[in-house]
Amino acid sequence: MIYAYIFVMAGVTYLIRMLPLTLIQKKISNVYIRSFLYYVPYACLTAMTFPAILYATASPISAFAGLAAAIFFAMKEKSLVMVACFSCIGVFITERILELI
């Protein structure tokens, strides 16, 4: 019975991915649809990672500190490695301060 569920879900996943490729043959020329499709990957990535950011640490306060550090350094246009490192440092320092309190 479990194999039936797996095959059905595999078929549904395959259809969702392949139907747009086979049905839409011409280039999308509508500016609004192209703009919408351009931002879909960013929105999906944000929706998947944002909850994980807030629950990945021992305290939501340290998670917010890491998020704030990441946003600050990303707005300063630092590299991805720098943003990640400073975010981790922010979480680490905040966790140590919270242990003292």
N, C-alpha and C. Protein backbone atom coordinates (compact mmCIF):
# COMPACT_ATOMS: atom_id res chain seq x y z
N MET A 1 0.82 -1.20 0.00
CA MET A 1 0.00 0.00 0.00
C MET A 1 0.86 1.26 0.00
N ILE A 2 1.96 1.22 0.73
CA ILE A 2 2.83 2.40 0.79
C ILE A 2 3.42 2.70 -0.58
N TYR A 3 3.67 1.64 -1.39
CA TYR A 3 4.22 1.86 -2.72
C TYR A 3 3.23 2.58 -3.62
N ALA A 4 1.97 2.34 -3.43
CA ALA A 4 0.94 3.04 -4.20
C ALA A 4 0.99 4.53 -3.91
N TYR A 5 1.13 4.88 -2.64
CA TYR A 5 1.24 6.30 -2.27
C TYR A 5 2.47 6.93 -2.89
N ILE A 6 3.56 6.22 -2.85
CA ILE A 6 4.81 6.74 -3.41
C ILE A 6 4.68 6.96 -4.91
N PHE A 7 4.10 6.00 -5.62
CA PHE A 7 3.95 6.14 -7.07
C PHE A 7 2.98 7.26 -7.44
N VAL A 8 1.90 7.40 -6.68
CA VAL A 8 0.95 8.48 -6.95
C VAL A 8 1.62 9.84 -6.73
N MET A 9 2.35 9.99 -5.64
CA MET A 9 3.02 11.26 -5.37
C MET A 9 4.12 11.54 -6.39
N ALA A 10 4.82 10.50 -6.83
CA ALA A 10 5.83 10.68 -7.88
C ALA A 10 5.17 11.15 -9.17
N GLY A 11 4.04 10.58 -9.51
CA GLY A 11 3.32 11.00 -10.72
C GLY A 11 2.83 12.43 -10.62
N VAL A 12 2.28 12.79 -9.48
CA VAL A 12 1.78 14.16 -9.29
C VAL A 12 2.94 15.15 -9.38
N THR A 13 4.04 14.84 -8.73
CA THR A 13 5.21 15.72 -8.78
C THR A 13 5.73 15.86 -10.20
N TYR A 14 5.79 14.76 -10.91
CA TYR A 14 6.25 14.79 -12.29
C TYR A 14 5.33 15.63 -13.16
N LEU A 15 4.02 15.47 -13.01
CA LEU A 15 3.07 16.23 -13.82
C LEU A 15 3.16 17.73 -13.54
N ILE A 16 3.30 18.08 -12.27
CA ILE A 16 3.39 19.50 -11.91
C ILE A 16 4.61 20.14 -12.55
N ARG A 17 5.68 19.40 -12.65
CA ARG A 17 6.91 19.96 -13.23
C ARG A 17 6.95 19.91 -14.75
N MET A 18 6.36 18.90 -15.33
CA MET A 18 6.49 18.71 -16.78
C MET A 18 5.37 19.33 -17.60
N LEU A 19 4.18 19.47 -17.05
CA LEU A 19 3.08 20.04 -17.82
C LEU A 19 3.36 21.47 -18.30
N PRO A 20 3.86 22.36 -17.45
CA PRO A 20 4.17 23.70 -17.98
C PRO A 20 5.22 23.68 -19.09
N LEU A 21 6.18 22.78 -19.00
CA LEU A 21 7.20 22.71 -20.04
C LEU A 21 6.64 22.22 -21.36
N THR A 22 5.67 21.34 -21.31
CA THR A 22 5.12 20.79 -22.55
C THR A 22 3.97 21.63 -23.11
N LEU A 23 3.20 22.27 -22.25
CA LEU A 23 2.05 23.03 -22.71
C LEU A 23 2.39 24.45 -23.17
N ILE A 24 3.38 25.05 -22.54
CA ILE A 24 3.76 26.43 -22.88
C ILE A 24 5.02 26.36 -23.74
N GLN A 25 4.84 26.50 -25.05
CA GLN A 25 5.95 26.37 -25.98
C GLN A 25 6.59 27.72 -26.31
N LYS A 26 5.80 28.79 -26.31
CA LYS A 26 6.34 30.09 -26.72
C LYS A 26 6.88 30.85 -25.51
N LYS A 27 7.68 31.85 -25.80
CA LYS A 27 8.28 32.67 -24.75
C LYS A 27 7.20 33.56 -24.12
N ILE A 28 7.25 33.71 -22.82
CA ILE A 28 6.28 34.55 -22.11
C ILE A 28 6.67 36.01 -22.33
N SER A 29 5.76 36.77 -22.92
CA SER A 29 6.08 38.16 -23.26
C SER A 29 5.42 39.17 -22.32
N ASN A 30 4.49 38.74 -21.50
CA ASN A 30 3.82 39.63 -20.57
C ASN A 30 4.80 40.06 -19.48
N VAL A 31 4.97 41.36 -19.33
CA VAL A 31 5.95 41.91 -18.39
C VAL A 31 5.59 41.55 -16.95
N TYR A 32 4.32 41.57 -16.61
CA TYR A 32 3.90 41.30 -15.24
C TYR A 32 4.11 39.83 -14.86
N ILE A 33 3.81 38.93 -15.77
CA ILE A 33 4.02 37.51 -15.50
C ILE A 33 5.51 37.20 -15.39
N ARG A 34 6.30 37.80 -16.28
CA ARG A 34 7.76 37.58 -16.22
C ARG A 34 8.33 38.12 -14.91
N SER A 35 7.85 39.27 -14.48
CA SER A 35 8.31 39.85 -13.21
C SER A 35 7.92 38.95 -12.05
N PHE A 36 6.69 38.44 -12.07
CA PHE A 36 6.24 37.53 -11.02
C PHE A 36 7.09 36.26 -10.98
N LEU A 37 7.33 35.67 -12.13
CA LEU A 37 8.12 34.44 -12.20
C LEU A 37 9.58 34.67 -11.81
N TYR A 38 10.08 35.87 -12.00
CA TYR A 38 11.46 36.18 -11.63
C TYR A 38 11.65 36.09 -10.11
N TYR A 39 10.65 36.52 -9.35
CA TYR A 39 10.78 36.57 -7.90
C TYR A 39 10.29 35.32 -7.18
N VAL A 40 9.71 34.36 -7.86
CA VAL A 40 9.21 33.14 -7.23
C VAL A 40 10.32 32.36 -6.50
N PRO A 41 11.51 32.14 -7.09
CA PRO A 41 12.53 31.40 -6.35
C PRO A 41 12.96 32.08 -5.06
N TYR A 42 13.07 33.41 -5.07
CA TYR A 42 13.44 34.14 -3.86
C TYR A 42 12.37 34.01 -2.78
N ALA A 43 11.12 34.09 -3.18
CA ALA A 43 10.03 33.98 -2.21
C ALA A 43 9.97 32.57 -1.62
N CYS A 44 10.18 31.55 -2.45
CA CYS A 44 10.16 30.17 -1.94
C CYS A 44 11.32 29.93 -0.99
N LEU A 45 12.50 30.41 -1.35
CA LEU A 45 13.66 30.24 -0.48
C LEU A 45 13.45 30.93 0.86
N THR A 46 12.89 32.12 0.82
CA THR A 46 12.61 32.85 2.06
C THR A 46 11.58 32.12 2.91
N ALA A 47 10.54 31.62 2.29
CA ALA A 47 9.49 30.91 3.03
C ALA A 47 10.01 29.63 3.67
N MET A 48 11.00 29.00 3.05
CA MET A 48 11.54 27.76 3.61
C MET A 48 12.59 28.03 4.70
N THR A 49 13.39 29.08 4.54
CA THR A 49 14.50 29.27 5.48
C THR A 49 14.16 30.17 6.66
N PHE A 50 13.22 31.09 6.51
CA PHE A 50 12.95 32.03 7.60
C PHE A 50 12.48 31.34 8.88
N PRO A 51 11.54 30.40 8.84
CA PRO A 51 11.16 29.71 10.09
C PRO A 51 12.33 28.93 10.70
N ALA A 52 13.18 28.35 9.85
CA ALA A 52 14.32 27.60 10.36
C ALA A 52 15.31 28.52 11.06
N ILE A 53 15.44 29.75 10.59
CA ILE A 53 16.34 30.70 11.22
C ILE A 53 15.91 30.97 12.65
N LEU A 54 14.62 31.15 12.85
CA LEU A 54 14.14 31.54 14.18
C LEU A 54 14.13 30.39 15.19
N TYR A 55 14.14 29.15 14.71
CA TYR A 55 14.09 28.01 15.63
C TYR A 55 15.37 27.19 15.65
N ALA A 56 16.44 27.66 15.04
CA ALA A 56 17.68 26.90 14.95
C ALA A 56 18.57 27.08 16.17
N THR A 57 18.31 28.06 16.98
CA THR A 57 19.15 28.32 18.15
C THR A 57 18.39 27.98 19.43
N ALA A 58 19.11 28.11 20.54
CA ALA A 58 18.50 27.79 21.83
C ALA A 58 17.48 28.84 22.25
N SER A 59 17.62 30.05 21.74
CA SER A 59 16.74 31.14 22.15
C SER A 59 16.31 31.95 20.93
N PRO A 60 15.07 32.37 20.87
CA PRO A 60 14.65 33.23 19.77
C PRO A 60 15.37 34.58 19.77
N ILE A 61 15.84 35.00 20.93
CA ILE A 61 16.58 36.27 21.01
C ILE A 61 17.89 36.17 20.25
N SER A 62 18.61 35.08 20.44
CA SER A 62 19.87 34.92 19.72
C SER A 62 19.62 34.69 18.23
N ALA A 63 18.52 34.03 17.89
CA ALA A 63 18.17 33.86 16.48
C ALA A 63 17.90 35.21 15.83
N PHE A 64 17.20 36.08 16.53
CA PHE A 64 16.94 37.40 15.99
C PHE A 64 18.22 38.21 15.87
N ALA A 65 19.15 38.05 16.82
CA ALA A 65 20.43 38.76 16.74
C ALA A 65 21.22 38.31 15.51
N GLY A 66 21.23 37.01 15.25
CA GLY A 66 21.90 36.50 14.05
C GLY A 66 21.23 36.98 12.79
N LEU A 67 19.90 37.01 12.79
CA LEU A 67 19.15 37.50 11.63
C LEU A 67 19.44 38.98 11.39
N ALA A 68 19.49 39.76 12.47
CA ALA A 68 19.78 41.18 12.34
C ALA A 68 21.19 41.41 11.80
N ALA A 69 22.15 40.62 12.29
CA ALA A 69 23.52 40.74 11.79
C ALA A 69 23.58 40.36 10.31
N ALA A 70 22.88 39.31 9.93
CA ALA A 70 22.87 38.89 8.53
C ALA A 70 22.25 39.96 7.64
N ILE A 71 21.15 40.54 8.07
CA ILE A 71 20.51 41.58 7.27
C ILE A 71 21.42 42.81 7.17
N PHE A 72 22.06 43.17 8.27
CA PHE A 72 22.94 44.35 8.26
C PHE A 72 24.09 44.17 7.28
N PHE A 73 24.78 43.04 7.36
CA PHE A 73 25.93 42.83 6.48
C PHE A 73 25.51 42.55 5.04
N ALA A 74 24.35 41.99 4.84
CA ALA A 74 23.86 41.81 3.47
C ALA A 74 23.51 43.15 2.84
N MET A 75 22.96 44.06 3.63
CA MET A 75 22.66 45.39 3.11
C MET A 75 23.93 46.17 2.80
N LYS A 76 25.01 45.85 3.48
CA LYS A 76 26.32 46.47 3.20
C LYS A 76 27.00 45.80 2.01
N GLU A 77 26.31 44.84 1.38
CA GLU A 77 26.78 44.12 0.19
C GLU A 77 28.08 43.35 0.44
N LYS A 78 28.17 42.73 1.61
CA LYS A 78 29.31 41.85 1.90
C LYS A 78 29.07 40.50 1.23
N SER A 79 30.11 39.69 1.17
CA SER A 79 29.98 38.38 0.53
C SER A 79 29.12 37.45 1.39
N LEU A 80 28.66 36.38 0.77
CA LEU A 80 27.81 35.43 1.47
C LEU A 80 28.55 34.79 2.65
N VAL A 81 29.83 34.53 2.47
CA VAL A 81 30.62 33.93 3.56
C VAL A 81 30.74 34.91 4.72
N MET A 82 30.96 36.18 4.42
CA MET A 82 31.06 37.19 5.48
C MET A 82 29.73 37.33 6.22
N VAL A 83 28.64 37.35 5.49
CA VAL A 83 27.32 37.45 6.11
C VAL A 83 27.07 36.27 7.03
N ALA A 84 27.38 35.06 6.56
CA ALA A 84 27.17 33.86 7.37
C ALA A 84 28.07 33.87 8.61
N CYS A 85 29.32 34.26 8.44
CA CYS A 85 30.25 34.28 9.58
C CYS A 85 29.82 35.28 10.64
N PHE A 86 29.47 36.49 10.22
CA PHE A 86 29.05 37.49 11.20
C PHE A 86 27.71 37.13 11.84
N SER A 87 26.87 36.46 11.11
CA SER A 87 25.61 35.99 11.69
C SER A 87 25.88 34.95 12.77
N CYS A 88 26.77 34.02 12.48
CA CYS A 88 27.13 33.00 13.48
C CYS A 88 27.79 33.63 14.70
N ILE A 89 28.65 34.61 14.46
CA ILE A 89 29.30 35.30 15.57
C ILE A 89 28.26 36.03 16.42
N GLY A 90 27.29 36.66 15.77
CA GLY A 90 26.22 37.34 16.50
C GLY A 90 25.42 36.39 17.36
N VAL A 91 25.10 35.22 16.82
CA VAL A 91 24.37 34.21 17.60
C VAL A 91 25.22 33.73 18.76
N PHE A 92 26.49 33.46 18.50
CA PHE A 92 27.38 32.95 19.55
C PHE A 92 27.50 33.94 20.70
N ILE A 93 27.76 35.20 20.38
CA ILE A 93 27.92 36.22 21.43
C ILE A 93 26.61 36.39 22.21
N THR A 94 25.49 36.42 21.50
CA THR A 94 24.20 36.56 22.18
C THR A 94 23.91 35.37 23.09
N GLU A 95 24.23 34.16 22.64
CA GLU A 95 24.05 32.97 23.49
C GLU A 95 24.90 33.07 24.75
N ARG A 96 26.13 33.53 24.62
CA ARG A 96 27.01 33.65 25.80
C ARG A 96 26.48 34.69 26.77
N ILE A 97 25.96 35.80 26.23
CA ILE A 97 25.40 36.84 27.10
C ILE A 97 24.16 36.32 27.81
N LEU A 98 23.33 35.59 27.10
CA LEU A 98 22.11 35.05 27.71
C LEU A 98 22.43 34.01 28.79
N GLU A 99 23.55 33.32 28.67
CA GLU A 99 23.95 32.37 29.72
C GLU A 99 24.32 33.08 31.00
N LEU A 100 24.87 34.28 30.87
CA LEU A 100 25.28 35.05 32.05
C LEU A 100 24.09 35.66 32.79
N ILE A 101 23.03 35.91 32.07
CA ILE A 101 21.88 36.57 32.69
C ILE A 101 21.04 35.59 33.47
